[in-house]
Structures are given as structure tokens and as C-alpha cells.
Amino acid sequence: MAKDNITVVKSVSETGRKESQELKVNRKRSTAFASTYANSAQISVSYFDFKLTFGTIESVDEKEVVIEEIVSVSMSPEHAGALAKILSHNIELYEKNFGSLRNLPTPN
């Protein structure tokens, strides 16, 4: 099990002062846990949630792209926003260490 610590806000006073507490995070893997590779992602949005569908591109020709969808993950808009911030931060760290991301090719 991986262990981390996180800081959570317990309360915010009327003056805006935040009271926080550090909690230990205990992660355990579900028996249904799976790891996969994806080079395709689609996002669907509703008022209540964001749905990310991941897959792999199986083939590409002049008439179609065949994508095998592997898994979808649904989350609240708030969680999606937090994920976007964390992903953006990690991309910045990646680029600082390894250089800018390559531009993906676009179809003609």
C-alpha cells in the first residue's frame, strides 16, 4: 500500500481564516484494479459529471480511424477541475525536466 499525507481544510472562519489538518492517506488496490495504455481520449460533459473515455487507435486510413475503447471514468466537475490542475502542473514539471511536448500530427 502506498502512503502519503494530504492537508485538508477543516473549516473556514467568518474572517476567511482556514483551519487545516494533515491526514495520512492509505491507498489499497482493488482486486478489479487495471493498468492500461491509451493514445485516444474523448470527453463528454453534462451538468453533473465529466466522462473521460480512453482507448487505443487500432488503424487509420484515408476514410476512417478505428479506435478500440478500453475504459471510461466519470467524475464530478469539481474533481475534473482538480484533475486538470494536477495534470497541468505535472506537464509543466515534465517540460522543465525533458523539454517541450511534441506537437501531435494533424490529418491533411
Protein backbone atom coordinates (compact mmCIF):
# COMPACT_ATOMS: atom_id res chain seq x y z
CA MET A 1 0.00 0.00 0.00
CA ALA A 2 1.26 3.48 -0.89
CA LYS A 3 1.11 6.01 1.93
CA ASP A 4 1.00 9.80 1.57
CA ASN A 5 -0.05 12.74 3.65
CA ILE A 6 -2.55 15.34 2.49
CA THR A 7 -3.71 18.57 4.05
CA VAL A 8 -7.46 19.13 4.19
CA VAL A 9 -9.37 22.26 5.16
CA LYS A 10 -11.49 21.50 8.21
CA SER A 11 -13.24 24.87 8.41
CA VAL A 12 -13.16 28.48 7.24
CA SER A 13 -13.87 31.22 9.77
CA GLU A 14 -16.04 34.27 9.05
CA THR A 15 -12.82 36.25 8.51
CA GLY A 16 -11.67 33.75 5.86
CA ARG A 17 -9.04 32.06 8.04
CA LYS A 18 -8.70 28.39 7.11
CA GLU A 19 -8.16 25.70 9.72
CA SER A 20 -6.47 22.70 8.18
CA GLN A 21 -5.38 19.28 9.31
CA GLU A 22 -2.85 16.84 7.87
CA LEU A 23 -4.20 13.35 7.25
CA LYS A 24 -2.39 10.16 6.35
CA VAL A 25 -3.65 8.63 3.09
CA ASN A 26 -3.69 4.86 2.96
CA ARG A 27 -4.12 3.58 -0.61
CA LYS A 28 -5.03 -0.01 -1.37
CA ARG A 29 -5.60 -1.60 -4.74
CA SER A 30 -8.95 -3.07 -5.59
CA THR A 31 -8.99 -6.61 -6.92
CA ALA A 32 -10.54 -5.02 -10.03
CA PHE A 33 -7.61 -2.60 -10.49
CA ALA A 34 -6.26 -2.48 -14.04
CA SER A 35 -3.48 -0.58 -15.76
CA THR A 36 -3.66 0.18 -19.48
CA TYR A 37 -2.14 2.31 -22.22
CA ALA A 38 -4.25 4.84 -24.14
CA ASN A 39 -3.45 7.04 -27.11
CA SER A 40 -7.02 8.25 -27.57
CA ALA A 41 -9.22 10.18 -25.16
CA GLN A 42 -12.70 11.59 -25.56
CA ILE A 43 -14.53 13.78 -23.05
CA SER A 44 -18.29 14.04 -22.57
CA VAL A 45 -19.71 16.71 -20.28
CA SER A 46 -23.07 17.10 -18.57
CA TYR A 47 -24.20 19.40 -15.78
CA PHE A 48 -23.49 16.66 -13.25
CA ASP A 49 -20.33 14.97 -14.50
CA PHE A 50 -17.39 14.64 -16.85
CA LYS A 51 -16.87 11.32 -18.59
CA LEU A 52 -13.40 10.50 -19.95
CA THR A 53 -13.24 7.57 -22.36
CA PHE A 54 -9.80 6.13 -23.09
CA GLY A 55 -8.81 3.82 -25.92
CA THR A 56 -6.19 2.90 -28.46
CA ILE A 57 -6.08 3.80 -32.12
CA GLU A 58 -6.18 0.49 -33.97
CA SER A 59 -5.90 1.71 -37.55
CA VAL A 60 -6.01 4.84 -39.68
CA ASP A 61 -6.68 5.14 -43.38
CA GLU A 62 -7.93 7.88 -45.70
CA LYS A 63 -11.57 7.17 -44.81
CA GLU A 64 -11.64 6.29 -41.12
CA VAL A 65 -9.89 5.94 -37.80
CA VAL A 66 -10.68 2.80 -35.80
CA ILE A 67 -10.47 3.30 -32.02
CA GLU A 68 -10.88 0.49 -29.53
CA GLU A 69 -12.46 2.00 -26.41
CA ILE A 70 -10.98 0.42 -23.29
CA VAL A 71 -12.36 2.22 -20.24
CA SER A 72 -14.37 5.26 -19.23
CA VAL A 73 -14.08 7.21 -15.99
CA SER A 74 -16.84 9.51 -14.75
CA MET A 75 -16.27 12.23 -12.15
CA SER A 76 -17.83 15.39 -10.77
CA PRO A 77 -17.00 18.73 -12.42
CA GLU A 78 -15.10 19.69 -9.25
CA HIS A 79 -12.97 16.55 -9.40
CA ALA A 80 -12.36 17.12 -13.13
CA GLY A 81 -11.18 20.66 -12.33
CA ALA A 82 -8.80 19.35 -9.67
CA LEU A 83 -7.52 16.70 -12.13
CA ALA A 84 -6.95 19.41 -14.78
CA LYS A 85 -4.86 21.47 -12.33
CA ILE A 86 -2.78 18.49 -11.23
CA LEU A 87 -2.25 17.34 -14.82
CA SER A 88 -1.24 20.85 -15.91
CA HIS A 89 1.24 21.10 -13.03
CA ASN A 90 2.77 17.72 -13.88
CA ILE A 91 3.08 18.64 -17.57
CA GLU A 92 4.98 21.78 -16.51
CA LEU A 93 7.34 19.62 -14.41
CA TYR A 94 7.78 17.18 -17.31
CA GLU A 95 8.65 20.01 -19.72
CA LYS A 96 11.09 21.50 -17.22
CA ASN A 97 12.90 18.15 -16.97
CA PHE A 98 12.59 16.80 -20.53
CA GLY A 99 11.74 19.73 -22.81
CA SER A 100 8.55 20.78 -24.55
CA LEU A 101 5.96 18.24 -25.60
CA ARG A 102 6.00 17.32 -29.28
CA ASN A 103 3.14 18.60 -31.43
CA LEU A 104 0.81 15.81 -32.48
CA PRO A 105 0.46 15.30 -36.24
CA THR A 106 -2.78 16.51 -37.75
CA PRO A 107 -4.66 14.86 -40.62
CA ASN A 108 -4.26 16.52 -44.05
